[in-house]
């Protein structure tokens, strides 16, 4: 819900720039709308400020040539700046063969963790890795059943217990 709301606010801000004459003031107004939406979604103030500065540097409307599609350039600059917010510039984790690699999924209820774990396990199984799904959710009724059903369908090994309250045992 939060991401959907944020996406709608950013989309509306970009649509508004299309409806108005493209001026530096209109770009500033659009950036303030996007910044407010990001801040309301708990994005760090420094990151929001950096995003605003990136777009401002790239989109000086008064300096753009007359034949250039200014709206399109502004949209591309905003998308590029938002993408840069999400890019940590770090290489993703790569599991090592011959060692035990553990992935732990954490998230809100109903966000698709069990399904995502199963898909990841299936992906690595197809690549020739040995995989095992472990049910560590001992509180939610049906967690073990869901994992068992998904793992069986994907032909992936799984472990869990209906009675054990400690998943480590």
Protein backbone atom coordinates (compact mmCIF):
# COMPACT_ATOMS: atom_id res chain seq x y z
CA UNK A 1 0.00 0.00 0.00
CA UNK A 2 2.75 2.46 0.90
CA UNK A 3 4.67 1.81 -2.32
CA UNK A 4 1.50 2.01 -4.39
CA UNK A 5 0.61 5.35 -2.80
CA UNK A 6 4.15 6.65 -3.34
CA UNK A 7 4.07 5.51 -6.96
CA UNK A 8 0.75 7.26 -7.53
CA UNK A 9 2.05 10.52 -6.06
CA UNK A 10 5.19 10.46 -8.20
CA UNK A 11 3.17 9.59 -11.31
CA UNK A 12 0.75 12.45 -10.63
CA UNK A 13 3.62 14.90 -10.14
CA UNK A 14 5.11 13.84 -13.48
CA UNK A 15 1.69 14.10 -15.16
CA UNK A 16 1.23 17.62 -13.81
CA UNK A 17 4.46 18.75 -15.45
CA UNK A 18 3.01 17.52 -18.75
CA UNK A 19 -0.16 19.57 -18.21
CA UNK A 20 1.69 22.81 -17.41
CA UNK A 21 4.12 24.94 -19.36
CA UNK A 22 7.60 23.64 -18.63
CA UNK A 23 9.46 26.24 -16.62
CA UNK A 24 12.02 26.11 -13.86
CA UNK A 25 9.23 26.97 -11.42
CA UNK A 26 7.12 24.05 -12.66
CA UNK A 27 10.10 21.71 -12.26
CA UNK A 28 10.66 23.05 -8.73
CA UNK A 29 6.99 22.49 -7.88
CA UNK A 30 7.14 18.94 -9.25
CA UNK A 31 10.32 18.17 -7.29
CA UNK A 32 8.75 19.48 -4.09
CA UNK A 33 5.71 17.25 -4.63
CA UNK A 34 7.94 14.21 -5.19
CA UNK A 35 10.14 15.13 -2.20
CA UNK A 36 7.09 15.43 0.05
CA UNK A 37 5.86 12.01 -1.10
CA UNK A 38 9.27 10.44 -0.47
CA UNK A 39 9.58 12.03 2.97
CA UNK A 40 6.08 10.85 3.91
CA UNK A 41 7.23 7.34 2.92
CA UNK A 42 10.15 7.58 5.39
CA UNK A 43 12.93 8.11 2.84
CA UNK A 44 15.99 9.74 4.39
CA UNK A 45 16.07 13.54 4.05
CA UNK A 46 19.65 13.48 2.71
CA UNK A 47 18.67 11.07 -0.06
CA UNK A 48 15.67 13.20 -1.02
CA UNK A 49 17.82 16.33 -1.14
CA UNK A 50 20.41 14.52 -3.27
CA UNK A 51 17.68 13.39 -5.67
CA UNK A 52 16.35 16.94 -5.96
CA UNK A 53 19.80 18.34 -6.66
CA UNK A 54 20.51 15.70 -9.33
CA UNK A 55 17.31 16.56 -11.18
CA UNK A 56 17.87 20.32 -10.83
CA UNK A 57 21.39 20.05 -12.26
CA UNK A 58 20.22 17.96 -15.19
CA UNK A 59 17.04 19.96 -15.93
CA UNK A 60 17.78 23.61 -16.37
CA UNK A 61 14.77 24.41 -18.54
CA UNK A 62 15.97 27.88 -19.51
CA UNK A 63 19.20 26.42 -20.94
CA UNK A 64 17.53 23.66 -23.01
CA UNK A 65 17.42 24.01 -26.78
CA UNK A 66 14.07 25.03 -28.24
CA UNK A 67 13.50 21.82 -30.24
CA UNK A 68 14.11 19.50 -27.28
CA UNK A 69 11.20 17.63 -25.67
CA UNK A 70 11.63 19.18 -22.22
CA UNK A 71 8.93 17.10 -20.55
CA UNK A 72 10.57 13.87 -21.68
CA UNK A 73 14.01 14.98 -20.47
CA UNK A 74 12.57 15.95 -17.08
CA UNK A 75 10.80 12.60 -16.73
CA UNK A 76 14.00 10.74 -17.66
CA UNK A 77 16.00 12.79 -15.14
CA UNK A 78 13.50 12.03 -12.36
CA UNK A 79 13.49 8.31 -13.17
CA UNK A 80 17.30 8.25 -13.27
CA UNK A 81 17.54 10.08 -9.92
CA UNK A 82 15.00 7.75 -8.27
CA UNK A 83 16.87 4.73 -9.63
CA UNK A 84 20.11 6.10 -8.20
CA UNK A 85 18.41 6.28 -4.78
CA UNK A 86 17.82 2.54 -4.89
CA UNK A 87 21.25 1.57 -6.25
CA UNK A 88 23.62 0.84 -3.37
CA UNK A 89 26.62 0.50 -5.73
CA UNK A 90 27.43 -2.78 -3.97
CA UNK A 91 27.62 -6.14 -5.66
CA UNK A 92 24.81 -8.51 -4.70
CA UNK A 93 25.49 -11.50 -2.49
CA UNK A 94 26.72 -14.49 -4.47
CA UNK A 95 26.51 -17.89 -2.78
CA UNK A 96 29.67 -20.00 -2.79
CA UNK A 97 29.69 -23.62 -3.86
CA UNK A 98 30.86 -26.14 -1.28
CA UNK A 99 29.79 -23.95 1.63
CA UNK A 100 26.53 -23.62 3.49
CA UNK A 101 24.73 -20.51 2.27
CA UNK A 102 21.80 -19.21 4.30
CA UNK A 103 19.19 -16.80 3.01
CA UNK A 104 16.77 -15.35 5.55
CA UNK A 105 13.64 -13.60 4.35
CA UNK A 106 12.05 -11.07 6.69
CA UNK A 107 8.94 -9.04 5.97
CA UNK A 108 5.38 -8.19 6.82
CA UNK A 109 2.65 -10.80 6.97
CA UNK A 110 1.26 -11.62 3.57
CA UNK A 111 4.12 -10.01 1.64
CA UNK A 112 5.07 -13.21 -0.21
CA UNK A 113 8.10 -14.43 1.72
CA UNK A 114 7.27 -18.14 1.52
CA UNK A 115 6.51 -17.95 -2.19
CA UNK A 116 9.69 -15.95 -2.86
CA UNK A 117 11.77 -18.44 -0.86
CA UNK A 118 10.34 -21.29 -2.87
CA UNK A 119 11.05 -19.52 -6.16
CA UNK A 120 14.63 -18.81 -5.07
CA UNK A 121 15.13 -22.42 -3.97
CA UNK A 122 13.71 -23.67 -7.28
CA UNK A 123 16.03 -21.33 -9.21
CA UNK A 124 19.12 -22.64 -7.41
CA UNK A 125 17.94 -26.23 -7.69
CA UNK A 126 17.71 -25.83 -11.47
CA UNK A 127 21.27 -24.47 -11.41
CA UNK A 128 22.44 -27.70 -9.74
CA UNK A 129 22.66 -26.56 -6.12
CA UNK A 130 21.43 -28.56 -3.12
CA UNK A 131 18.63 -26.57 -1.52
CA UNK A 132 16.52 -26.90 1.60
CA UNK A 133 13.61 -24.79 2.80
CA UNK A 134 13.25 -24.51 6.57
CA UNK A 135 10.03 -23.37 8.21
CA UNK A 136 11.12 -20.88 10.87
CA UNK A 137 7.67 -19.31 11.26
CA UNK A 138 6.44 -21.17 14.33
CA UNK A 139 3.67 -18.71 15.19
CA UNK A 140 1.54 -18.44 12.08
CA UNK A 141 -1.01 -21.19 11.68
CA UNK A 142 -0.57 -22.84 8.32
CA UNK A 143 3.01 -21.65 7.77
CA UNK A 144 4.41 -25.17 7.72
CA UNK A 145 1.58 -26.39 5.48
CA UNK A 146 2.19 -23.58 3.00
CA UNK A 147 5.92 -24.25 2.90
CA UNK A 148 5.32 -27.99 2.54
CA UNK A 149 2.86 -27.45 -0.32
CA UNK A 150 5.16 -25.01 -2.16
CA UNK A 151 8.28 -27.13 -1.65
CA UNK A 152 6.53 -30.30 -2.80
CA UNK A 153 5.24 -28.57 -5.92
CA UNK A 154 8.76 -27.25 -6.70
CA UNK A 155 10.32 -30.65 -5.80
CA UNK A 156 12.56 -28.99 -3.19
CA UNK A 157 13.54 -30.51 0.17
CA UNK A 158 11.96 -28.89 3.24
CA UNK A 159 12.12 -29.16 7.00
CA UNK A 160 9.70 -28.13 9.72
CA UNK A 161 7.48 -29.42 12.46
CA UNK A 162 3.89 -28.95 13.55
CA UNK A 163 4.75 -29.38 17.23
CA UNK A 164 8.20 -27.79 17.68
CA UNK A 165 8.11 -24.16 18.83
CA UNK A 166 11.84 -23.57 18.26
CA UNK A 167 12.81 -23.78 14.57
CA UNK A 168 16.51 -24.23 15.43
CA UNK A 169 16.01 -27.54 17.23
